[in-house]
C-alpha atoms as a PDB file:
ATOM      1  CA  MET A   1       0.091 -31.925 -25.243  1.00  0.00           C
ATOM      2  CA  ASP A   2      -2.741 -34.105 -23.957  1.00  0.00           C
ATOM      3  CA  SER A   3      -5.244 -35.097 -26.672  1.00  0.00           C
ATOM      4  CA  PHE A   4      -8.139 -33.352 -24.891  1.00  0.00           C
ATOM      5  CA  ALA A   5      -6.051 -30.205 -24.462  1.00  0.00           C
ATOM      6  CA  ARG A   6      -5.156 -30.328 -28.152  1.00  0.00           C
ATOM      7  CA  ARG A   7      -8.795 -30.688 -29.220  1.00  0.00           C
ATOM      8  CA  LEU A   8      -9.844 -27.911 -26.848  1.00  0.00           C
ATOM      9  CA  SER A   9      -7.092 -25.574 -27.991  1.00  0.00           C
ATOM     10  CA  GLU A  10      -7.703 -26.281 -31.693  1.00  0.00           C
ATOM     11  CA  ARG A  11     -11.474 -25.793 -31.357  1.00  0.00           C
ATOM     12  CA  ILE A  12     -11.060 -22.431 -29.634  1.00  0.00           C
ATOM     13  CA  SER A  13      -8.312 -21.273 -32.013  1.00  0.00           C
ATOM     14  CA  GLU A  14     -10.283 -22.242 -35.129  1.00  0.00           C
ATOM     15  CA  GLU A  15     -13.416 -20.439 -33.980  1.00  0.00           C
ATOM     16  CA  TYR A  16     -11.400 -17.449 -32.818  1.00  0.00           C
ATOM     17  CA  HIS A  17      -9.731 -16.996 -36.212  1.00  0.00           C
ATOM     18  CA  ALA A  18     -13.048 -17.602 -37.993  1.00  0.00           C
ATOM     19  CA  ASP A  19     -14.596 -14.913 -35.756  1.00  0.00           C
ATOM     20  CA  THR A  20     -17.276 -17.362 -34.618  1.00  0.00           C
ATOM     21  CA  ILE A  21     -16.017 -17.932 -31.080  1.00  0.00           C
ATOM     22  CA  ALA A  22     -18.569 -17.687 -28.273  1.00  0.00           C
ATOM     23  CA  LEU A  23     -17.369 -14.843 -26.052  1.00  0.00           C
ATOM     24  CA  PRO A  24     -19.288 -13.938 -22.898  1.00  0.00           C
ATOM     25  CA  THR A  25     -21.435 -10.821 -23.034  1.00  0.00           C
ATOM     26  CA  LEU A  26     -21.315  -8.085 -20.429  1.00  0.00           C
ATOM     27  CA  PRO A  27     -24.298  -8.434 -18.066  1.00  0.00           C
ATOM     28  CA  GLU A  28     -27.144  -6.350 -19.514  1.00  0.00           C
ATOM     29  CA  LEU A  29     -27.648  -4.250 -16.393  1.00  0.00           C
ATOM     30  CA  ALA A  30     -23.922  -3.483 -16.157  1.00  0.00           C
ATOM     31  CA  ALA A  31     -23.920  -2.424 -19.815  1.00  0.00           C
ATOM     32  CA  ARG A  32     -26.951  -0.163 -19.277  1.00  0.00           C
ATOM     33  CA  ILE A  33     -25.441   1.478 -16.205  1.00  0.00           C
ATOM     34  CA  ARG A  34     -22.070   2.015 -17.901  1.00  0.00           C
ATOM     35  CA  ALA A  35     -23.827   3.535 -20.934  1.00  0.00           C
ATOM     36  CA  ALA A  36     -25.921   5.833 -18.735  1.00  0.00           C
ATOM     37  CA  ILE A  37     -22.896   7.043 -16.782  1.00  0.00           C
ATOM     38  CA  ASN A  38     -21.076   7.752 -20.048  1.00  0.00           C
ATOM     39  CA  ASP A  39     -24.096   9.638 -21.465  1.00  0.00           C
ATOM     40  CA  PRO A  40     -23.872  13.376 -20.706  1.00  0.00           C
ATOM     41  CA  GLY A  41     -27.652  13.577 -21.183  1.00  0.00           C
ATOM     42  CA  LYS A  42     -28.275  11.334 -18.153  1.00  0.00           C
ATOM     43  CA  ASN A  43     -28.365  12.763 -14.641  1.00  0.00           C
ATOM     44  CA  LEU A  44     -27.819  11.131 -11.273  1.00  0.00           C
ATOM     45  CA  GLY A  45     -31.520  10.334 -10.897  1.00  0.00           C
ATOM     46  CA  ASP A  46     -31.576   8.544 -14.261  1.00  0.00           C
ATOM     47  CA  ILE A  47     -28.594   6.412 -13.261  1.00  0.00           C
ATOM     48  CA  ALA A  48     -30.064   5.609  -9.831  1.00  0.00           C
ATOM     49  CA  ARG A  49     -33.324   4.463 -11.436  1.00  0.00           C
ATOM     50  CA  ILE A  50     -31.417   1.958 -13.611  1.00  0.00           C
ATOM     51  CA  VAL A  51     -29.391   0.654 -10.655  1.00  0.00           C
ATOM     52  CA  GLN A  52     -32.623   0.192  -8.690  1.00  0.00           C
ATOM     53  CA  LEU A  53     -33.723  -2.466 -11.175  1.00  0.00           C
ATOM     54  CA  ASP A  54     -31.551  -4.820  -9.092  1.00  0.00           C
ATOM     55  CA  PRO A  55     -32.411  -4.402  -5.378  1.00  0.00           C
ATOM     56  CA  SER A  56     -29.497  -6.617  -4.295  1.00  0.00           C
ATOM     57  CA  LEU A  57     -27.092  -4.385  -6.221  1.00  0.00           C
ATOM     58  CA  VAL A  58     -28.550  -1.323  -4.490  1.00  0.00           C
ATOM     59  CA  GLY A  59     -27.976  -2.979  -1.131  1.00  0.00           C
ATOM     60  CA  ARG A  60     -24.370  -3.771  -1.942  1.00  0.00           C
ATOM     61  CA  LEU A  61     -23.639  -0.227  -3.155  1.00  0.00           C
ATOM     62  CA  ILE A  62     -25.142   1.213   0.043  1.00  0.00           C
ATOM     63  CA  ARG A  63     -23.058  -1.207   2.092  1.00  0.00           C
ATOM     64  CA  ILE A  64     -19.893  -0.170   0.242  1.00  0.00           C
ATOM     65  CA  ALA A  65     -20.725   3.538   0.630  1.00  0.00           C
ATOM     66  CA  ASN A  66     -21.085   3.009   4.390  1.00  0.00           C
ATOM     67  CA  SER A  67     -18.017   0.764   4.711  1.00  0.00           C
ATOM     68  CA  PRO A  68     -14.698   1.937   6.170  1.00  0.00           C
ATOM     69  CA  LEU A  69     -13.507   2.326   2.563  1.00  0.00           C
ATOM     70  CA  HIS A  70     -15.881   5.263   1.912  1.00  0.00           C
ATOM     71  CA  ARG A  71     -17.650   6.048   5.170  1.00  0.00           C
ATOM     72  CA  GLY A  72     -18.710   9.653   5.770  1.00  0.00           C
ATOM     73  CA  ARG A  73     -20.011  11.327   8.894  1.00  0.00           C
ATOM     74  CA  VAL A  74     -23.587  10.285   8.096  1.00  0.00           C
ATOM     75  CA  GLU A  75     -24.729   6.870   6.883  1.00  0.00           C
ATOM     76  CA  VAL A  76     -26.410   6.789   3.486  1.00  0.00           C
ATOM     77  CA  ASP A  77     -29.635   4.821   3.067  1.00  0.00           C
ATOM     78  CA  SER A  78     -30.600   5.333  -0.574  1.00  0.00           C
ATOM     79  CA  CYS A  79     -29.257   4.360  -3.966  1.00  0.00           C
ATOM     80  CA  ARG A  80     -28.859   7.979  -5.065  1.00  0.00           C
ATOM     81  CA  ALA A  81     -26.991   8.931  -1.899  1.00  0.00           C
ATOM     82  CA  ALA A  82     -24.677   5.921  -2.280  1.00  0.00           C
ATOM     83  CA  ILE A  83     -23.841   6.849  -5.886  1.00  0.00           C
ATOM     84  CA  THR A  84     -23.255  10.463  -4.840  1.00  0.00           C
ATOM     85  CA  ARG A  85     -20.804   9.398  -2.157  1.00  0.00           C
ATOM     86  CA  LEU A  86     -19.002   6.874  -4.355  1.00  0.00           C
ATOM     87  CA  GLY A  87     -18.905   9.065  -7.467  1.00  0.00           C
ATOM     88  CA  LEU A  88     -19.871   8.066 -10.992  1.00  0.00           C
ATOM     89  CA  ASP A  89     -16.494   6.637 -12.028  1.00  0.00           C
ATOM     90  CA  ALA A  90     -16.293   4.469  -8.924  1.00  0.00           C
ATOM     91  CA  THR A  91     -19.931   3.389  -9.336  1.00  0.00           C
ATOM     92  CA  ARG A  92     -19.310   2.330 -12.946  1.00  0.00           C
ATOM     93  CA  SER A  93     -16.321   0.172 -11.963  1.00  0.00           C
ATOM     94  CA  LEU A  94     -18.002  -1.296  -8.877  1.00  0.00           C
ATOM     95  CA  VAL A  95     -21.251  -2.142 -10.670  1.00  0.00           C
ATOM     96  CA  THR A  96     -19.352  -3.926 -13.434  1.00  0.00           C
ATOM     97  CA  GLY A  97     -17.288  -5.908 -10.957  1.00  0.00           C
ATOM     98  CA  LEU A  98     -20.208  -6.791  -8.678  1.00  0.00           C
ATOM     99  CA  LEU A  99     -22.339  -8.100 -11.543  1.00  0.00           C
ATOM    100  CA  LEU A 100     -19.598 -10.172 -13.189  1.00  0.00           C
ATOM    101  CA  HIS A 101     -19.511 -12.913 -10.576  1.00  0.00           C
ATOM    102  CA  ALA A 102     -23.150 -13.943 -10.727  1.00  0.00           C
ATOM    103  CA  ALA A 103     -23.336 -13.678 -14.508  1.00  0.00           C
ATOM    104  CA  PHE A 104     -20.795 -16.342 -15.469  1.00  0.00           C
ATOM    105  CA  ARG A 105     -21.202 -19.258 -13.079  1.00  0.00           C
ATOM    106  CA  PRO A 106     -21.030 -22.435 -15.194  1.00  0.00           C
ATOM    107  CA  ALA A 107     -23.845 -24.969 -14.806  1.00  0.00           C
ATOM    108  CA  GLN A 108     -21.460 -27.951 -14.739  1.00  0.00           C
ATOM    109  CA  PRO A 109     -20.478 -28.585 -11.075  1.00  0.00           C
ATOM    110  CA  ARG A 110     -16.794 -29.267 -11.633  1.00  0.00           C
ATOM    111  CA  LEU A 111     -16.333 -26.190 -13.816  1.00  0.00           C
ATOM    112  CA  ARG A 112     -18.354 -24.107 -11.385  1.00  0.00           C
ATOM    113  CA  GLN A 113     -15.865 -25.076  -8.688  1.00  0.00           C
ATOM    114  CA  ARG A 114     -12.990 -24.043 -10.943  1.00  0.00           C
ATOM    115  CA  TYR A 115     -14.748 -20.770 -11.694  1.00  0.00           C
ATOM    116  CA  GLU A 116     -15.136 -20.034  -7.985  1.00  0.00           C
ATOM    117  CA  LEU A 117     -11.393 -20.600  -7.509  1.00  0.00           C
ATOM    118  CA  LEU A 118     -10.736 -18.268 -10.444  1.00  0.00           C
ATOM    119  CA  TRP A 119     -13.041 -15.635  -8.944  1.00  0.00           C
ATOM    120  CA  ARG A 120     -11.319 -15.933  -5.552  1.00  0.00           C
ATOM    121  CA  HIS A 121      -7.907 -15.409  -7.153  1.00  0.00           C
ATOM    122  CA  SER A 122      -9.153 -12.475  -9.244  1.00  0.00           C
ATOM    123  CA  SER A 123     -10.844 -10.936  -6.193  1.00  0.00           C
ATOM    124  CA  HIS A 124      -7.649 -11.251  -4.157  1.00  0.00           C
ATOM    125  CA  VAL A 125      -5.616  -9.569  -6.908  1.00  0.00           C
ATOM    126  CA  ALA A 126      -8.324  -6.905  -7.259  1.00  0.00           C
ATOM    127  CA  ALA A 127      -8.335  -6.181  -3.512  1.00  0.00           C
ATOM    128  CA  ILE A 128      -4.545  -5.788  -3.433  1.00  0.00           C
ATOM    129  CA  ALA A 129      -4.715  -3.601  -6.564  1.00  0.00           C
ATOM    130  CA  TYR A 130      -7.310  -1.445  -4.809  1.00  0.00           C
ATOM    131  CA  VAL A 131      -4.986  -0.887  -1.834  1.00  0.00           C
ATOM    132  CA  LEU A 132      -1.956  -0.226  -4.060  1.00  0.00           C
ATOM    133  CA  ALA A 133      -3.937   2.309  -6.115  1.00  0.00           C
ATOM    134  CA  ARG A 134      -5.130   4.057  -2.969  1.00  0.00           C
ATOM    135  CA  LEU A 135      -1.459   4.511  -2.027  1.00  0.00           C
ATOM    136  CA  THR A 136      -0.567   5.802  -5.499  1.00  0.00           C
ATOM    137  CA  PRO A 137      -1.403   9.410  -6.445  1.00  0.00           C
ATOM    138  CA  GLY A 138      -3.381   9.684  -9.677  1.00  0.00           C
ATOM    139  CA  MET A 139      -4.779   6.141  -9.521  1.00  0.00           C
ATOM    140  CA  GLN A 140      -8.497   5.466  -8.974  1.00  0.00           C
ATOM    141  CA  PRO A 141      -8.849   2.539  -6.537  1.00  0.00           C
ATOM    142  CA  GLU A 142     -12.141   1.297  -8.034  1.00  0.00           C
ATOM    143  CA  GLN A 143     -10.659   1.293 -11.536  1.00  0.00           C
ATOM    144  CA  ALA A 144      -7.700  -0.723 -10.214  1.00  0.00           C
ATOM    145  CA  LEU A 145     -10.215  -3.067  -8.573  1.00  0.00           C
ATOM    146  CA  LEU A 146     -11.962  -3.661 -11.907  1.00  0.00           C
ATOM    147  CA  ALA A 147      -8.619  -4.139 -13.668  1.00  0.00           C
ATOM    148  CA  GLY A 148      -7.737  -6.859 -11.163  1.00  0.00           C
ATOM    149  CA  LEU A 149     -11.106  -8.568 -11.585  1.00  0.00           C
ATOM    150  CA  VAL A 150     -10.819  -8.831 -15.389  1.00  0.00           C
ATOM    151  CA  HIS A 151      -7.136  -9.738 -15.692  1.00  0.00           C
ATOM    152  CA  ASP A 152      -7.991 -13.466 -16.008  1.00  0.00           C
ATOM    153  CA  ILE A 153     -11.345 -13.126 -17.757  1.00  0.00           C
ATOM    154  CA  GLY A 154      -9.984 -14.906 -20.830  1.00  0.00           C
ATOM    155  CA  ALA A 155     -10.297 -18.177 -18.898  1.00  0.00           C
ATOM    156  CA  LEU A 156     -14.103 -18.037 -19.205  1.00  0.00           C
ATOM    157  CA  PRO A 157     -14.349 -19.137 -22.869  1.00  0.00           C
ATOM    158  CA  VAL A 158     -11.931 -21.981 -22.142  1.00  0.00           C
ATOM    159  CA  LEU A 159     -14.219 -23.257 -19.372  1.00  0.00           C
ATOM    160  CA  HIS A 160     -17.214 -22.884 -21.711  1.00  0.00           C
ATOM    161  CA  TYR A 161     -15.638 -24.981 -24.471  1.00  0.00           C
ATOM    162  CA  ALA A 162     -14.237 -27.497 -21.988  1.00  0.00           C
ATOM    163  CA  ALA A 163     -17.818 -28.143 -20.842  1.00  0.00           C
ATOM    164  CA  GLU A 164     -18.947 -28.663 -24.445  1.00  0.00           C
ATOM    165  CA  LEU A 165     -16.174 -31.192 -25.114  1.00  0.00           C
ATOM    166  CA  GLY A 166     -16.822 -33.130 -21.892  1.00  0.00           C
ATOM    167  CA  VAL A 167     -14.482 -32.175 -19.095  1.00  0.00           C
ATOM    168  CA  GLU A 168     -15.378 -34.689 -16.370  1.00  0.00           C
ATOM    169  CA  GLN A 169     -12.594 -37.168 -17.042  1.00  0.00           C
ATOM    170  CA  GLN A 170      -9.875 -34.585 -17.646  1.00  0.00           C
ATOM    171  CA  ALA A 171      -7.199 -33.583 -15.140  1.00  0.00           C
ATOM    172  CA  ASP A 172      -7.310 -29.979 -13.948  1.00  0.00           C
ATOM    173  CA  ALA A 173      -3.751 -29.507 -15.197  1.00  0.00           C
ATOM    174  CA  VAL A 174      -4.919 -30.209 -18.744  1.00  0.00           C
ATOM    175  CA  ILE A 175      -7.389 -27.340 -18.691  1.00  0.00           C
ATOM    176  CA  ASP A 176      -4.851 -25.121 -16.900  1.00  0.00           C
ATOM    177  CA  ASP A 177      -2.444 -25.563 -19.822  1.00  0.00           C
ATOM    178  CA  VAL A 178      -5.048 -24.366 -22.310  1.00  0.00           C
ATOM    179  CA  VAL A 179      -6.042 -21.469 -20.057  1.00  0.00           C
ATOM    180  CA  ARG A 180      -2.419 -20.299 -19.835  1.00  0.00           C
ATOM    181  CA  GLN A 181      -2.027 -20.599 -23.601  1.00  0.00           C
ATOM    182  CA  LEU A 182      -5.159 -18.716 -24.658  1.00  0.00           C
ATOM    183  CA  ARG A 183      -6.461 -16.519 -21.849  1.00  0.00           C
ATOM    184  CA  GLY A 184      -4.503 -13.404 -22.792  1.00  0.00           C
ATOM    185  CA  GLN A 185      -5.801 -12.996 -26.328  1.00  0.00           C
ATOM    186  CA  LEU A 186      -9.282 -14.180 -25.372  1.00  0.00           C
ATOM    187  CA  GLY A 187      -9.413 -11.727 -22.473  1.00  0.00           C
ATOM    188  CA  TYR A 188      -8.365  -8.883 -24.759  1.00  0.00           C
ATOM    189  CA  SER A 189     -11.083  -9.845 -27.250  1.00  0.00           C
ATOM    190  CA  ILE A 190     -13.749  -9.974 -24.522  1.00  0.00           C
ATOM    191  CA  LEU A 191     -12.896  -6.529 -23.167  1.00  0.00           C
ATOM    192  CA  ARG A 192     -12.753  -5.040 -26.668  1.00  0.00           C
ATOM    193  CA  LYS A 193     -16.191  -6.533 -27.326  1.00  0.00           C
ATOM    194  CA  TRP A 194     -17.406  -4.891 -24.121  1.00  0.00           C
ATOM    195  CA  ARG A 195     -15.953  -1.555 -25.304  1.00  0.00           C
ATOM    196  CA  PHE A 196     -13.610  -1.189 -22.378  1.00  0.00           C
ATOM    197  CA  PRO A 197     -10.847   1.424 -22.769  1.00  0.00           C
ATOM    198  CA  GLU A 198      -7.779   0.073 -24.565  1.00  0.00           C
ATOM    199  CA  ASN A 199      -5.579   0.494 -21.497  1.00  0.00           C
ATOM    200  CA  VAL A 200      -7.895  -1.885 -19.588  1.00  0.00           C
ATOM    201  CA  ALA A 201      -8.496  -4.256 -22.521  1.00  0.00           C
ATOM    202  CA  LEU A 202      -4.741  -4.855 -22.789  1.00  0.00           C
ATOM    203  CA  ILE A 203      -4.435  -6.015 -19.178  1.00  0.00           C
ATOM    204  CA  PRO A 204      -5.264  -9.720 -19.816  1.00  0.00           C
ATOM    205  CA  LEU A 205      -2.590  -9.808 -22.549  1.00  0.00           C
ATOM    206  CA  HIS A 206       0.209  -8.610 -20.285  1.00  0.00           C
ATOM    207  CA  ALA A 207      -0.920  -9.339 -16.713  1.00  0.00           C
ATOM    208  CA  GLU A 208       1.871 -11.909 -16.278  1.00  0.00           C
ATOM    209  CA  ASP A 209       4.525 -10.059 -18.256  1.00  0.00           C
ATOM    210  CA  TRP A 210       6.538  -9.662 -15.085  1.00  0.00           C
ATOM    211  CA  MET A 211       9.458  -7.853 -16.748  1.00  0.00           C
ATOM    212  CA  ARG A 212       7.281  -5.354 -18.644  1.00  0.00           C
ATOM    213  CA  ALA A 213       8.802  -1.911 -18.329  1.00  0.00           C
ATOM    214  CA  GLY A 214       6.040   0.117 -19.996  1.00  0.00           C
ATOM    215  CA  GLY A 215       6.279   3.894 -20.084  1.00  0.00           C
ATOM    216  CA  GLU A 216       7.395   6.246 -17.358  1.00  0.00           C
ATOM    217  CA  GLU A 217       3.815   6.875 -16.235  1.00  0.00           C
ATOM    218  CA  ILE A 218       2.262   4.393 -13.806  1.00  0.00           C
ATOM    219  CA  ASP A 219      -0.733   2.607 -15.331  1.00  0.00           C
ATOM    220  CA  TYR A 220      -3.294   0.067 -14.122  1.00  0.00           C
ATOM    221  CA  LEU A 221      -1.391  -2.787 -15.729  1.00  0.00           C
ATOM    222  CA  ASP A 222       1.580  -1.937 -13.489  1.00  0.00           C
ATOM    223  CA  VAL A 223      -0.721  -2.096 -10.467  1.00  0.00           C
ATOM    224  CA  VAL A 224      -2.189  -5.459 -11.532  1.00  0.00           C
ATOM    225  CA  ILE A 225       1.256  -6.984 -12.162  1.00  0.00           C
ATOM    226  CA  VAL A 226       2.476  -5.928  -8.708  1.00  0.00           C
ATOM    227  CA  ALA A 227      -0.797  -7.078  -7.110  1.00  0.00           C
ATOM    228  CA  GLN A 228      -0.387 -10.501  -8.723  1.00  0.00           C
ATOM    229  CA  VAL A 229       3.145 -10.896  -7.399  1.00  0.00           C
ATOM    230  CA  HIS A 230       1.926  -9.878  -3.934  1.00  0.00           C
ATOM    231  CA  SER A 231      -0.970 -12.342  -4.167  1.00  0.00           C
ATOM    232  CA  TYR A 232       1.465 -15.275  -4.411  1.00  0.00           C
ATOM    233  CA  PHE A 233       3.435 -14.391  -1.274  1.00  0.00           C
ATOM    234  CA  GLY A 234       3.266 -17.193   1.259  1.00  0.00           C
ATOM    235  CA  SER A 235       1.609 -19.585  -1.189  1.00  0.00           C
ATOM    236  CA  SER A 236       2.836 -22.634  -3.075  1.00  0.00           C
ATOM    237  CA  GLY A 237       2.935 -20.526  -6.238  1.00  0.00           C
ATOM    238  CA  GLN A 238       5.448 -18.014  -4.896  1.00  0.00           C
ATOM    239  CA  GLY A 239       8.244 -19.726  -6.811  1.00  0.00           C
ATOM    240  CA  GLN A 240       6.388 -19.057 -10.081  1.00  0.00           C
ATOM    241  CA  VAL A 241       6.889 -15.288  -9.863  1.00  0.00           C
ATOM    242  CA  PRO A 242      10.056 -13.163  -9.689  1.00  0.00           C
ATOM    243  CA  ARG A 243      11.223 -11.293  -6.624  1.00  0.00           C
ATOM    244  CA  LEU A 244       9.263  -8.101  -6.151  1.00  0.00           C
ATOM    245  CA  CYS A 245      12.398  -5.949  -6.255  1.00  0.00           C
ATOM    246  CA  ASP A 246      13.138  -7.318  -9.750  1.00  0.00           C
ATOM    247  CA  VAL A 247       9.742  -6.341 -11.189  1.00  0.00           C
ATOM    248  CA  PRO A 248       9.930  -3.062 -13.182  1.00  0.00           C
ATOM    249  CA  ALA A 249       6.304  -2.213 -12.430  1.00  0.00           C
ATOM    250  CA  PHE A 250       7.022  -2.322  -8.686  1.00  0.00           C
ATOM    251  CA  LYS A 251       9.878   0.163  -9.064  1.00  0.00           C
ATOM    252  CA  LYS A 252       7.434   2.693 -10.571  1.00  0.00           C
ATOM    253  CA  LEU A 253       5.068   2.643  -7.580  1.00  0.00           C
ATOM    254  CA  PRO A 254       5.654   5.082  -4.703  1.00  0.00           C
ATOM    255  CA  ILE A 255       5.442   2.172  -2.273  1.00  0.00           C
ATOM    256  CA  SER A 256       8.700   0.807  -3.752  1.00  0.00           C
ATOM    257  CA  SER A 257      10.649   3.588  -2.022  1.00  0.00           C
ATOM    258  CA  LEU A 258      10.009   1.665   1.188  1.00  0.00           C
ATOM    259  CA  GLY A 259      11.741  -1.425  -0.200  1.00  0.00           C
ATOM    260  CA  PRO A 260      10.135  -4.804  -0.988  1.00  0.00           C
ATOM    261  CA  ASP A 261      10.123  -6.026   2.619  1.00  0.00           C
ATOM    262  CA  THR A 262       8.444  -2.902   3.959  1.00  0.00           C
ATOM    263  CA  SER A 263       5.946  -2.809   1.098  1.00  0.00           C
ATOM    264  CA  VAL A 264       4.893  -6.332   2.037  1.00  0.00           C
ATOM    265  CA  GLU A 265       4.511  -5.159   5.633  1.00  0.00           C
ATOM    266  CA  VAL A 266       2.281  -2.306   4.441  1.00  0.00           C
ATOM    267  CA  LEU A 267      -0.018  -4.783   2.717  1.00  0.00           C
ATOM    268  CA  VAL A 268       0.030  -7.085   5.733  1.00  0.00           C
ATOM    269  CA  GLU A 269      -1.079  -4.115   7.831  1.00  0.00           C
ATOM    270  CA  ALA A 270      -3.805  -3.466   5.240  1.00  0.00           C
ATOM    271  CA  LYS A 271      -5.110  -7.056   5.465  1.00  0.00           C
ATOM    272  CA  GLU A 272      -8.382  -5.880   7.047  1.00  0.00           C
ATOM    273  CA  GLU A 273      -8.947  -3.513   4.153  1.00  0.00           C
ATOM    274  CA  ILE A 274      -8.098  -6.274   1.673  1.00  0.00           C
ATOM    275  CA  ARG A 275     -10.507  -8.610   3.467  1.00  0.00           C
ATOM    276  CA  GLU A 276     -13.206  -5.904   3.384  1.00  0.00           C
ATOM    277  CA  VAL A 277     -12.779  -5.461  -0.378  1.00  0.00           C
ATOM    278  CA  MET A 278     -12.950  -9.230  -0.969  1.00  0.00           C
ATOM    279  CA  SER A 279     -16.068  -9.465   1.184  1.00  0.00           C
ATOM    280  CA  MET A 280     -17.575  -6.662  -0.873  1.00  0.00           C
ATOM    281  CA  LEU A 281     -16.987  -8.832  -3.938  1.00  0.00           C
ATOM    282  CA  GLY A 282     -18.723 -11.809  -2.377  1.00  0.00           C
ATOM    283  CA  VAL A 283     -15.630 -13.808  -1.382  1.00  0.00           C
END
């Protein structure tokens, strides 16, 4: 292991085990909105008033509510109407996802570029997960979207500590090695800190466990694993993932009955929807 990678890995591991590691905090507005939605004493007006503290967020929710993904017969033009159309569960997931991007941009230019690449990858996986969930009975597309967005969130502390140790002279591959080594456990710790449900918090730990069988029931981790494999199709990283037909999670999805080739065709046909979701996320 490169000496910088060793120092970076040891620093993060030591602080993690000493429970002094600097983990990112959930954006305050996202935390307030999630808490309000989970509070049975809060009504729709209360939630809308909190969302309205960020006018740009209101605009994005209205845009999503009027997009082909959710469009009704009449366009909505208010925060309350947008939340009504989207539903509280979808609003909670969308608000969290929409606020994550702006909250964690590193100040250091090189790391900011790496973060943007990370966000693009996560957004692509999230968009595919959204489409897969929409085609899977019992799955909430917006929850699958959020699961895709946070599957690599454990990379954020690595970028933070890399900046502290002086990253400018280090090869990208060096940081990539540390990210691969630590992102799973760090991601789990972040989502536990944010009080995400355990089934979502576990996603960073197992998002690349391609041969995970899991239980008989389809879960959001299954959707994220399949979305990741799909995201590599046609790219230089395709050789890093197994064939779709060999992935247990894929066999659990209804789309698998079409066969791997046809399932790819379905997602190719859904490319406009995938592009719309990524645009919604600012990509």
